[in-house]
Amino acid sequence: MTPKEVLAFCKSKNVQLVDVKFCDFIGTWQHFCAPISELEEAVFEEGLGFDGSSIRGWKSIEASDMLLMLDPATAIIDPFPQVTTLSIVADAVDTITREPYSRDPRNVARKAEAYLKQTGIADTAYFGPEAEFFIFDDIRYGQTSNSAFYYIDSNEGIWNSGREEFPNLGNKIRHKEGYFPVPPQDTQADIRNEMIMVMKECGLKVEREHHEVATAGQAEIDLRFNSLVSMADDMLLYKYIVKNVAKRHNKTVTFMPKPLFGDNGSGMHTHQSLWKKGKPLFAGKEYAGLSDMALYYIGGVLKHARAIAAITNPTVNSYKRLTPGFEAPVNLAYSSRNRSAAIRIPTYSPSPKAKRIEYRPPDPLANPYIAFAALLLAGLDGIENRIDPGEPLDKNIYELSASELKKVPSMPGSLAEACDELEDDHEFLLKGDVFTQDVIDTWIEMKRKEQDQIRLRPHPWEFHMYYDA
C-alpha cells in the first residue's frame, strides 16, 4: 500500500489507533501507540521522533533523538487490541542526516538485499525459517545474592504423570516422544490452529503446524518462504501472534533454545535459496541435484559458521542446545536428507524451484534481520571465492567414532567462543557496508556482557557437585 492507500484503508476499517512497531538491536519488537488522527500523509515523509538512547544497543544519551519512518507496505489490522488498531512497521533514521541508522536490524537486512543485487549473482534471496517454541502453563524464576531458581510447569509435562489433578487423565507426553501424537496426548492442537488462523488473518502464509519432539508443549509452525526483509518482518509478526494467542489461553510461550533439561531444545532450521529473474539458481547436476553455485554457497556458510554463530545462536542458552552428541547438529558438514549434518539438502520435491539448502544450527532467539543477512553474506563469500565445501557426509554423525569426528569441524561450544570467532572472522560481513565495524563491535560487546551476567552467578547444580567437597 501507499501512504494514501493506508489512510483510505484506515477509514474503511474505522481504525481508531495506530501502533508503530520497530525491531531493537537484539531482535525484539518495540512499539508505541497514537490516535489515528495523528496519522497523516505527511507523517510518512517526516517521520515520528523517539528516544534512541532507551533502546538496547542504540544511541547514547547525548545523541538520542531519532526518527521512525513508517513503511506503508507493512500496514495490517492488529488482531489483539480491543480497539480497532492499525499495526505498521517502521525503520530508524538519523534526525540530522536522514540516513538509515546503521544499527537498525531492518536496515542491515535491506542493505544485504541491495548488496546481493549489486554482485549480479542473483536478485532475490529466499529464506524459510522453521521456528520452534514451547507453550508452558507456568514459569517462575528468580535470583538474589543467596538464592537462584527457575520452575517451569506444563499440564502436558511427563513430570506431572503422578500429580493429583482431580482427575489426572494421563496422556502425558514422554521425553522425546512429542513428534507427532494425536489428541488427547497433543493437548494444544486447538491453540496452534488458532495461531495459524490469526497468522492467515494478518497475511502470513502458513505451511503447517505440529507438536514437536519434546514434552510440555513444544511446537512448530512453518511459514512459507519469503524474501529476506519480508521474511524477517514475518518472523517478528509470527512471534507476536504466537505469544498473544497463548496469553488468550492463559499460557505462556518461550523461544528459548533450551528451557528444559533432558529433552530436545528449540531450533530455527533456516532454508535458503538464490533466484535471478524468476529462475532458481540452486538446482543443477551436482551432488543431490545442486548447482555449483549452491555448493559454493554451502562452502561459504560452513567456512564462516563458527563466526556467524554469535549471530545465529546469540545467547548463552543457545549453547545448551548446541551440545555434541545430542539432538542439535553441531558438526559442520553437509549431506542430502541427513538431519545430523549442519546443512541438509531436502529431497521432498524434484522441482528445481524446491531446490534449497537447510542450515540447521540457528535458534529462534536470533534476530532474523541480521541472522539472515549474515547467512546470505557467508554464502555469497563462498560463491565469489568458489569455496569448496568438501565431500558430503552421508552418515549418522552422532554414531561416528571419536577419530572420525576429529576430522569434522564443529560449532563453538559457548557464546564467548562464538564472539572470539566473530572478532577474528567478519571481513565478509563488511562487504557492501551491510554490517559496519560499529555494528560488529557493538554486537560483540553486548554479547560478552550477557556471558558475564551468567558467568558471575553461582549455578544451583554447582552446590550439588561441590558443596560438600
Protein backbone atom coordinates (compact mmCIF):
# COMPACT_ATOMS: atom_id res chain seq x y z
CA MET A 1 0.00 0.00 0.00
CA THR A 2 0.97 3.63 -0.50
CA PRO A 3 0.53 6.18 2.32
CA LYS A 4 -2.68 7.40 0.69
CA GLU A 5 -3.95 3.82 0.45
CA VAL A 6 -3.09 3.22 4.12
CA LEU A 7 -5.21 6.22 5.14
CA ALA A 8 -8.10 5.04 2.96
CA PHE A 9 -7.76 1.54 4.45
CA CYS A 10 -7.95 3.01 7.96
CA LYS A 11 -11.09 4.89 7.09
CA SER A 12 -12.74 1.82 5.55
CA LYS A 13 -11.97 -0.26 8.66
CA ASN A 14 -12.92 2.50 11.13
CA VAL A 15 -9.43 2.34 12.66
CA GLN A 16 -9.15 4.25 15.94
CA LEU A 17 -5.45 3.84 16.82
CA VAL A 18 -2.13 3.33 15.06
CA ASP A 19 0.53 1.14 16.67
CA VAL A 20 4.08 1.74 15.41
CA LYS A 21 6.45 -1.22 15.76
CA PHE A 22 10.20 -1.45 15.19
CA CYS A 23 12.89 -4.01 15.93
CA ASP A 24 15.58 -3.32 18.50
CA PHE A 25 19.20 -4.41 18.09
CA ILE A 26 18.71 -7.73 19.89
CA GLY A 27 15.65 -8.71 17.84
CA THR A 28 12.58 -7.76 19.88
CA TRP A 29 9.68 -5.64 18.68
CA GLN A 30 9.19 -2.30 20.45
CA HIS A 31 6.12 -0.11 19.96
CA PHE A 32 4.14 2.99 20.76
CA CYS A 33 0.53 3.88 20.01
CA ALA A 34 -1.26 7.07 18.88
CA PRO A 35 -4.80 8.11 17.91
CA ILE A 36 -5.46 7.59 14.22
CA SER A 37 -5.95 11.37 13.86
CA GLU A 38 -2.16 11.69 14.26
CA LEU A 39 -1.54 9.59 11.15
CA GLU A 40 -1.46 11.98 8.22
CA GLU A 41 0.15 11.53 4.82
CA ALA A 42 2.94 13.94 5.84
CA VAL A 43 3.97 11.61 8.68
CA PHE A 44 5.21 9.08 6.12
CA GLU A 45 7.63 11.73 4.79
CA GLU A 46 8.56 13.47 8.05
CA GLY A 47 8.75 10.51 10.43
CA LEU A 48 7.97 10.23 14.14
CA GLY A 49 10.51 11.13 16.83
CA PHE A 50 11.61 8.89 19.70
CA ASP A 51 14.40 8.45 22.23
CA GLY A 52 17.04 6.12 20.76
CA SER A 53 19.06 6.00 23.98
CA SER A 54 16.33 3.93 25.65
CA ILE A 55 16.67 1.12 23.08
CA ARG A 56 19.18 -1.67 23.78
CA GLY A 57 22.41 -1.23 21.85
CA TRP A 58 21.39 2.00 20.13
CA LYS A 59 22.14 5.69 20.76
CA SER A 60 23.96 7.28 23.70
CA ILE A 61 22.02 9.87 25.69
CA GLU A 62 23.82 12.92 24.28
CA ALA A 63 22.71 11.99 20.73
CA SER A 64 19.44 10.24 21.45
CA ASP A 65 16.94 11.91 19.08
CA MET A 66 15.89 9.58 16.27
CA LEU A 67 13.09 9.26 13.74
CA LEU A 68 10.93 6.32 12.73
CA MET A 69 9.87 6.21 9.08
CA LEU A 70 6.68 4.21 8.58
CA ASP A 71 6.69 1.50 5.91
CA PRO A 72 3.19 1.55 4.36
CA ALA A 73 3.70 -1.91 2.84
CA THR A 74 3.61 -3.44 6.35
CA ALA A 75 0.24 -1.99 7.43
CA ILE A 76 -2.26 -4.51 8.82
CA ILE A 77 -5.06 -4.55 11.38
CA ASP A 78 -3.56 -5.66 14.70
CA PRO A 79 -5.62 -8.71 15.78
CA PHE A 80 -5.18 -8.26 19.54
CA PRO A 81 -6.15 -4.78 20.85
CA GLN A 82 -9.74 -4.23 21.97
CA VAL A 83 -9.97 -1.07 19.86
CA THR A 84 -9.51 -1.37 16.08
CA THR A 85 -5.81 -0.63 15.62
CA LEU A 86 -3.53 -0.29 12.62
CA SER A 87 -0.15 -2.01 13.06
CA ILE A 88 2.72 -0.67 10.97
CA VAL A 89 6.47 -1.39 10.96
CA ALA A 90 8.99 1.45 10.90
CA ASP A 91 12.67 2.00 10.06
CA ALA A 92 15.00 4.11 12.22
CA VAL A 93 16.82 7.10 10.67
CA ASP A 94 19.09 9.86 11.92
CA THR A 95 17.28 13.15 12.62
CA ILE A 96 20.01 15.29 11.03
CA THR A 97 21.31 13.29 8.06
CA ARG A 98 18.03 11.41 7.46
CA GLU A 99 20.22 8.40 6.70
CA PRO A 100 19.05 4.92 7.76
CA TYR A 101 20.53 4.03 11.14
CA SER A 102 23.37 1.51 10.83
CA ARG A 103 22.32 -0.42 13.95
CA ASP A 104 18.70 -0.77 12.86
CA PRO A 105 18.44 -4.51 12.08
CA ARG A 106 15.93 -3.89 9.32
CA ASN A 107 18.43 -1.56 7.65
CA VAL A 108 21.11 -4.29 7.81
CA ALA A 109 18.71 -6.67 6.08
CA ARG A 110 17.81 -4.08 3.42
CA LYS A 111 21.50 -3.50 2.69
CA ALA A 112 22.05 -7.25 2.38
CA GLU A 113 19.36 -7.44 -0.30
CA ALA A 114 20.87 -4.45 -2.09
CA TYR A 115 24.35 -5.98 -1.97
CA LEU A 116 23.05 -9.24 -3.45
CA LYS A 117 21.73 -7.34 -6.48
CA GLN A 118 24.96 -5.35 -6.70
CA THR A 119 27.01 -8.55 -7.06
CA GLY A 120 24.98 -9.62 -10.09
CA ILE A 121 24.93 -13.18 -8.73
CA ALA A 122 21.20 -13.12 -8.01
CA ASP A 123 18.41 -10.64 -7.38
CA THR A 124 16.46 -12.46 -4.66
CA ALA A 125 17.42 -14.50 -1.61
CA TYR A 126 14.62 -16.60 -0.19
CA PHE A 127 14.56 -17.69 3.45
CA GLY A 128 12.28 -20.20 5.13
CA PRO A 129 12.87 -20.49 8.90
CA GLU A 130 11.29 -23.26 10.96
CA ALA A 131 10.95 -21.70 14.40
CA GLU A 132 10.23 -23.98 17.35
CA PHE A 133 8.90 -22.86 20.73
CA PHE A 134 7.37 -24.10 23.97
CA ILE A 135 3.85 -23.36 25.25
CA PHE A 136 4.00 -23.61 29.06
CA ASP A 137 1.34 -23.23 31.76
CA ASP A 138 3.57 -21.62 34.37
CA ILE A 139 7.03 -20.08 34.59
CA ARG A 140 8.71 -18.71 37.71
CA TYR A 141 12.32 -17.69 38.18
CA GLY A 142 14.43 -15.52 40.44
CA GLN A 143 17.97 -14.66 41.55
CA THR A 144 19.22 -12.98 44.71
CA SER A 145 22.66 -12.87 46.28
CA ASN A 146 21.92 -16.05 48.22
CA SER A 147 19.46 -17.97 46.05
CA ALA A 148 18.56 -18.86 42.48
CA PHE A 149 15.77 -20.90 40.94
CA TYR A 150 13.52 -21.46 37.96
CA TYR A 151 10.36 -23.52 37.81
CA ILE A 152 8.53 -24.50 34.65
CA ASP A 153 5.23 -26.33 34.57
CA SER A 154 3.03 -27.78 31.88
CA ASN A 155 -0.15 -29.83 32.13
CA GLU A 156 1.35 -31.92 29.34
CA GLY A 157 4.74 -32.45 31.02
CA ILE A 158 5.72 -36.03 31.77
CA TRP A 159 6.80 -34.99 35.28
CA ASN A 160 3.10 -34.48 36.10
CA SER A 161 2.15 -38.11 35.42
CA GLY A 162 1.72 -38.66 39.17
CA ARG A 163 0.19 -35.31 40.11
CA GLU A 164 -3.30 -35.19 41.61
CA GLU A 165 -5.43 -33.34 39.06
CA PHE A 166 -8.90 -34.48 40.21
CA PRO A 167 -8.73 -36.47 37.99
CA ASN A 168 -5.37 -36.90 36.29
CA LEU A 169 -6.32 -38.35 32.90
CA GLY A 170 -2.80 -39.37 31.96
CA ASN A 171 -1.76 -38.87 28.34
CA LYS A 172 1.39 -37.00 29.38
CA ILE A 173 3.95 -36.89 26.58
CA ARG A 174 7.14 -38.73 27.46
CA HIS A 175 10.52 -37.11 26.88
CA LYS A 176 11.43 -37.05 23.17
CA GLU A 177 8.08 -38.60 22.13
CA GLY A 178 6.16 -35.49 21.08
CA TYR A 179 6.56 -35.91 17.28
CA PHE A 180 3.54 -36.13 16.40
CA PRO A 181 0.93 -37.81 18.66
CA VAL A 182 -2.74 -37.00 18.09
CA PRO A 183 -5.04 -35.61 20.81
CA PRO A 184 -5.65 -36.25 23.66
CA GLN A 185 -1.85 -36.59 24.12
CA ASP A 186 -1.37 -33.50 21.98
CA THR A 187 -3.28 -31.09 24.21
CA GLN A 188 -2.50 -27.94 22.26
CA ALA A 189 -3.68 -28.64 18.71
CA ASP A 190 -6.55 -26.15 19.03
CA ILE A 191 -4.21 -23.43 20.31
CA ARG A 192 -1.75 -23.94 17.45
CA ASN A 193 -4.62 -23.97 14.95
CA GLU A 194 -5.89 -20.69 16.39
CA MET A 195 -2.37 -19.29 15.96
CA ILE A 196 -2.28 -20.19 12.28
CA MET A 197 -5.76 -18.74 11.70
CA VAL A 198 -4.63 -15.42 13.21
CA MET A 199 -1.45 -15.57 11.12
CA LYS A 200 -3.52 -16.05 7.96
CA GLU A 201 -5.76 -13.15 9.00
CA CYS A 202 -2.60 -10.99 9.20
CA GLY A 203 -1.40 -12.04 5.75
CA LEU A 204 1.20 -14.64 6.73
CA LYS A 205 1.40 -17.74 4.54
CA VAL A 206 1.43 -20.79 6.79
CA GLU A 207 2.50 -24.21 5.54
CA ARG A 208 1.75 -26.40 8.59
CA GLU A 209 1.76 -26.71 12.37
CA HIS A 210 2.56 -29.63 14.63
CA HIS A 211 3.69 -30.73 18.06
CA GLU A 212 7.47 -31.03 18.28
CA VAL A 213 9.66 -33.71 19.85
CA ALA A 214 9.83 -32.54 23.47
CA THR A 215 7.28 -32.98 26.22
CA ALA A 216 5.49 -29.99 27.78
CA GLY A 217 4.09 -28.32 24.69
CA GLN A 218 6.96 -27.95 22.25
CA ALA A 219 5.52 -26.68 18.97
CA GLU A 220 6.45 -25.67 15.44
CA ILE A 221 4.56 -23.55 12.92
CA ASP A 222 6.17 -23.23 9.49
CA LEU A 223 5.76 -20.19 7.27
CA ARG A 224 6.12 -20.29 3.51
CA PHE A 225 9.47 -18.91 2.35
CA ASN A 226 9.81 -15.22 1.53
CA SER A 227 12.49 -12.73 0.51
CA LEU A 228 14.98 -11.69 3.19
CA VAL A 229 13.49 -8.49 4.63
CA SER A 230 9.91 -9.68 4.20
CA MET A 231 10.68 -12.98 5.92
CA ALA A 232 12.30 -11.20 8.85
CA ASP A 233 9.22 -8.96 9.09
CA ASP A 234 7.10 -12.10 9.03
CA MET A 235 9.10 -13.68 11.85
CA LEU A 236 8.59 -10.70 14.18
CA LEU A 237 4.85 -10.78 13.45
CA TYR A 238 4.87 -14.58 13.91
CA LYS A 239 6.36 -14.29 17.41
CA TYR A 240 3.91 -11.53 18.32
CA ILE A 241 0.95 -13.68 17.28
CA VAL A 242 2.19 -16.87 18.94
CA LYS A 243 2.78 -15.15 22.28
CA ASN A 244 -0.51 -13.27 22.30
CA VAL A 245 -2.68 -16.21 21.27
CA ALA A 246 -1.06 -18.25 24.05
CA LYS A 247 -1.88 -15.45 26.51
CA ARG A 248 -5.54 -15.64 25.45
CA HIS A 249 -5.48 -19.20 26.79
CA ASN A 250 -3.65 -18.21 29.98
CA LYS A 251 -0.47 -19.86 28.72
CA THR A 252 3.00 -18.53 28.05
CA VAL A 253 5.38 -19.03 25.12
CA THR A 254 9.16 -19.06 25.12
CA PHE A 255 11.58 -19.16 22.19
CA MET A 256 14.49 -20.04 24.50
CA PRO A 257 16.58 -22.70 22.76
CA LYS A 258 16.91 -24.91 25.85
CA PRO A 259 14.37 -24.28 28.62
CA LEU A 260 14.12 -27.97 29.68
CA PHE A 261 16.89 -30.23 30.89
CA GLY A 262 16.97 -33.71 29.36
CA ASP A 263 14.72 -33.06 26.35
CA ASN A 264 15.00 -31.51 22.91
CA GLY A 265 15.63 -27.81 22.56
CA SER A 266 14.09 -25.37 20.09
CA GLY A 267 15.88 -24.62 16.85
CA MET A 268 15.20 -22.48 13.80
CA HIS A 269 16.32 -24.53 10.82
CA THR A 270 16.69 -21.98 8.03
CA HIS A 271 16.06 -22.87 4.38
CA GLN A 272 17.84 -20.70 1.80
CA SER A 273 17.98 -20.33 -1.97
CA LEU A 274 19.02 -17.75 -4.56
CA TRP A 275 16.98 -16.73 -7.60
CA LYS A 276 17.54 -14.44 -10.58
CA LYS A 277 14.89 -13.09 -12.95
CA GLY A 278 12.38 -15.57 -11.55
CA LYS A 279 14.63 -18.61 -12.01
CA PRO A 280 16.09 -20.79 -9.23
CA LEU A 281 19.88 -20.91 -9.13
CA PHE A 282 20.50 -23.75 -6.69
CA ALA A 283 19.27 -26.58 -8.96
CA GLY A 284 21.85 -28.41 -11.06
CA LYS A 285 23.58 -31.70 -11.83
CA GLU A 286 25.98 -31.91 -8.92
CA TYR A 287 25.54 -33.71 -5.58
CA ALA A 288 21.88 -34.02 -4.50
CA GLY A 289 20.76 -32.13 -7.59
CA LEU A 290 22.58 -28.95 -6.60
CA SER A 291 24.32 -26.44 -8.84
CA ASP A 292 27.97 -25.43 -8.48
CA MET A 293 26.68 -22.12 -7.12
CA ALA A 294 24.76 -23.89 -4.37
CA LEU A 295 27.81 -25.94 -3.39
CA TYR A 296 29.97 -22.80 -3.21
CA TYR A 297 27.24 -21.14 -1.12
CA ILE A 298 27.41 -24.13 1.23
CA GLY A 299 31.19 -23.77 1.30
CA GLY A 300 30.88 -20.16 2.43
CA VAL A 301 28.32 -20.91 5.14
CA LEU A 302 30.42 -23.77 6.52
CA LYS A 303 33.60 -21.71 6.43
CA HIS A 304 32.06 -18.83 8.38
CA ALA A 305 29.63 -20.83 10.54
CA ARG A 306 31.71 -20.53 13.71
CA ALA A 307 31.83 -16.73 13.32
CA ILE A 308 28.17 -16.17 12.50
CA ALA A 309 27.22 -18.45 15.40
CA ALA A 310 27.42 -15.33 17.57
CA ILE A 311 24.53 -14.03 15.43
CA THR A 312 22.54 -17.18 14.57
CA ASN A 313 22.91 -18.59 18.10
CA PRO A 314 23.17 -15.37 20.08
CA THR A 315 22.60 -16.33 23.73
CA VAL A 316 24.35 -18.27 26.49
CA ASN A 317 21.33 -20.60 26.50
CA SER A 318 21.88 -21.30 22.77
CA TYR A 319 24.92 -23.43 23.57
CA LYS A 320 22.99 -25.66 25.95
CA ARG A 321 21.18 -26.82 22.81
CA LEU A 322 24.32 -26.93 20.64
CA THR A 323 25.92 -29.78 22.58
CA PRO A 324 27.86 -32.59 20.83
CA GLY A 325 26.07 -35.93 20.88
CA PHE A 326 22.57 -34.53 21.44
CA GLU A 327 19.78 -33.53 19.06
CA ALA A 328 21.16 -30.28 17.62
CA PRO A 329 23.57 -30.50 14.66
CA VAL A 330 26.93 -29.06 15.76
CA ASN A 331 29.11 -30.73 13.13
CA LEU A 332 29.89 -28.51 10.16
CA ALA A 333 29.18 -30.87 7.31
CA TYR A 334 26.56 -31.11 4.58
CA SER A 335 24.50 -34.01 3.35
CA SER A 336 21.36 -34.96 1.48
CA ARG A 337 18.44 -35.78 3.79
CA ASN A 338 20.78 -36.16 6.79
CA ARG A 339 19.46 -34.29 9.83
CA SER A 340 22.65 -34.88 11.82
CA ALA A 341 24.61 -32.56 9.49
CA ALA A 342 24.67 -28.78 9.90
CA ILE A 343 23.45 -28.39 6.31
CA ARG A 344 20.80 -30.68 4.87
CA ILE A 345 19.64 -30.70 1.26
CA PRO A 346 15.90 -31.53 1.38
CA THR A 347 14.70 -34.04 -1.21
CA TYR A 348 10.93 -33.79 -0.84
CA SER A 349 10.38 -32.46 -4.37
CA PRO A 350 12.22 -32.98 -7.69
CA SER A 351 11.23 -29.49 -8.88
CA PRO A 352 14.17 -27.09 -9.45
CA LYS A 353 12.09 -24.43 -7.67
CA ALA A 354 12.21 -26.51 -4.49
CA LYS A 355 15.99 -26.92 -4.52
CA ARG A 356 17.45 -25.25 -1.44
CA ILE A 357 19.75 -25.78 1.49
CA GLU A 358 18.66 -26.06 5.11
CA TYR A 359 21.05 -24.66 7.72
CA ARG A 360 20.14 -26.37 10.99
CA PRO A 361 22.18 -24.80 13.85
CA PRO A 362 20.28 -21.45 14.25
CA ASP A 363 17.79 -20.98 17.06
CA PRO A 364 14.71 -18.73 17.33
CA LEU A 365 16.34 -16.16 19.64
CA ALA A 366 18.35 -14.99 16.63
CA ASN A 367 17.42 -11.55 15.32
CA PRO A 368 16.07 -12.65 11.91
CA TYR A 369 17.10 -9.46 10.10
CA ILE A 370 20.78 -9.76 10.92
CA ALA A 371 20.89 -13.58 11.07
CA PHE A 372 19.52 -13.91 7.52
CA ALA A 373 21.84 -11.12 6.35
CA ALA A 374 24.87 -12.85 7.90
CA LEU A 375 23.95 -16.20 6.32
CA LEU A 376 23.50 -14.56 2.91
CA LEU A 377 26.87 -12.79 3.10
CA ALA A 378 28.61 -16.00 4.18
CA GLY A 379 27.06 -17.84 1.23
CA LEU A 380 27.93 -15.06 -1.22
CA ASP A 381 31.51 -15.11 0.01
CA GLY A 382 31.54 -18.81 -0.84
CA ILE A 383 30.24 -18.12 -4.35
CA GLU A 384 32.58 -15.20 -5.02
CA ASN A 385 35.63 -17.15 -3.83
CA ARG A 386 34.50 -20.56 -5.13
CA ILE A 387 34.88 -22.12 -1.69
CA ASP A 388 34.82 -25.92 -1.94
CA PRO A 389 32.57 -27.40 0.78
CA GLY A 390 34.45 -30.71 0.62
CA GLU A 391 32.84 -34.10 0.37
CA PRO A 392 29.33 -34.63 1.79
CA LEU A 393 28.98 -36.68 4.94
CA ASP A 394 26.21 -39.20 4.33
CA LYS A 395 26.46 -40.93 7.70
CA ASN A 396 24.73 -40.58 11.05
CA ILE A 397 27.25 -38.19 12.57
CA TYR A 398 26.03 -38.99 16.08
CA GLU A 399 27.39 -42.52 15.61
CA LEU A 400 30.84 -41.61 14.25
CA SER A 401 33.87 -42.73 16.20
CA ALA A 402 35.99 -40.20 18.07
CA SER A 403 38.72 -40.41 15.43
CA GLU A 404 36.22 -39.78 12.63
CA LEU A 405 34.65 -36.85 14.49
CA LYS A 406 38.02 -35.17 14.88
CA LYS A 407 38.08 -34.63 11.12
CA VAL A 408 34.75 -32.76 11.14
CA PRO A 409 34.81 -29.12 12.35
CA SER A 410 32.10 -28.15 14.80
CA MET A 411 30.20 -25.15 16.09
CA PRO A 412 31.60 -23.11 19.01
CA GLY A 413 30.94 -24.52 22.46
CA SER A 414 29.89 -21.23 24.08
CA LEU A 415 28.76 -17.71 23.33
CA ALA A 416 32.18 -16.43 24.42
CA GLU A 417 33.90 -18.73 21.92
CA ALA A 418 31.49 -17.62 19.19
CA CYS A 419 32.31 -13.97 19.94
CA ASP A 420 36.01 -14.76 19.62
CA GLU A 421 35.34 -16.33 16.22
CA LEU A 422 33.30 -13.34 15.04
CA GLU A 423 36.03 -10.98 16.21
CA ASP A 424 38.56 -12.88 14.08
CA ASP A 425 36.37 -13.52 11.02
CA HIS A 426 33.99 -10.77 9.94
CA GLU A 427 35.50 -9.12 6.86
CA PHE A 428 32.94 -10.86 4.67
CA LEU A 429 30.16 -9.16 6.68
CA LEU A 430 31.53 -5.69 5.87
CA LYS A 431 31.07 -6.11 2.11
CA GLY A 432 28.63 -3.63 0.64
CA ASP A 433 28.57 -1.85 4.01
CA VAL A 434 25.89 -4.35 5.05
CA PHE A 435 27.37 -4.70 8.52
CA THR A 436 29.56 -1.86 9.72
CA GLN A 437 32.51 -2.30 12.05
CA ASP A 438 30.49 -0.41 14.66
CA VAL A 439 27.64 -2.93 14.37
CA ILE A 440 30.03 -5.88 14.77
CA ASP A 441 31.86 -4.29 17.72
CA THR A 442 28.63 -3.30 19.48
CA TRP A 443 27.15 -6.76 18.99
CA ILE A 444 30.22 -8.49 20.42
CA GLU A 445 30.37 -6.07 23.36
CA MET A 446 26.72 -6.71 24.25
CA LYS A 447 27.08 -10.47 23.92
CA ARG A 448 30.19 -10.57 26.12
CA LYS A 449 28.26 -8.68 28.79
CA GLU A 450 25.48 -11.27 28.54
CA GLN A 451 28.04 -14.03 29.01
CA ASP A 452 29.44 -12.24 32.08
CA GLN A 453 25.97 -11.89 33.62
CA ILE A 454 25.76 -15.68 33.84
CA ARG A 455 29.46 -16.38 34.38
CA LEU A 456 29.41 -14.32 37.60
CA ARG A 457 26.45 -16.13 39.18
CA PRO A 458 26.65 -19.48 41.01
CA HIS A 459 24.52 -22.20 39.42
CA PRO A 460 22.26 -24.37 41.61
CA TRP A 461 23.83 -27.56 40.28
CA GLU A 462 27.26 -26.37 41.43
CA PHE A 463 26.07 -26.83 45.02
CA HIS A 464 25.12 -30.42 44.22
CA MET A 465 28.55 -31.03 42.76
CA TYR A 466 30.85 -29.05 45.05
CA TYR A 467 29.24 -28.03 48.35
CA ASP A 468 30.48 -30.99 50.38
CA ALA A 469 33.80 -31.45 48.57
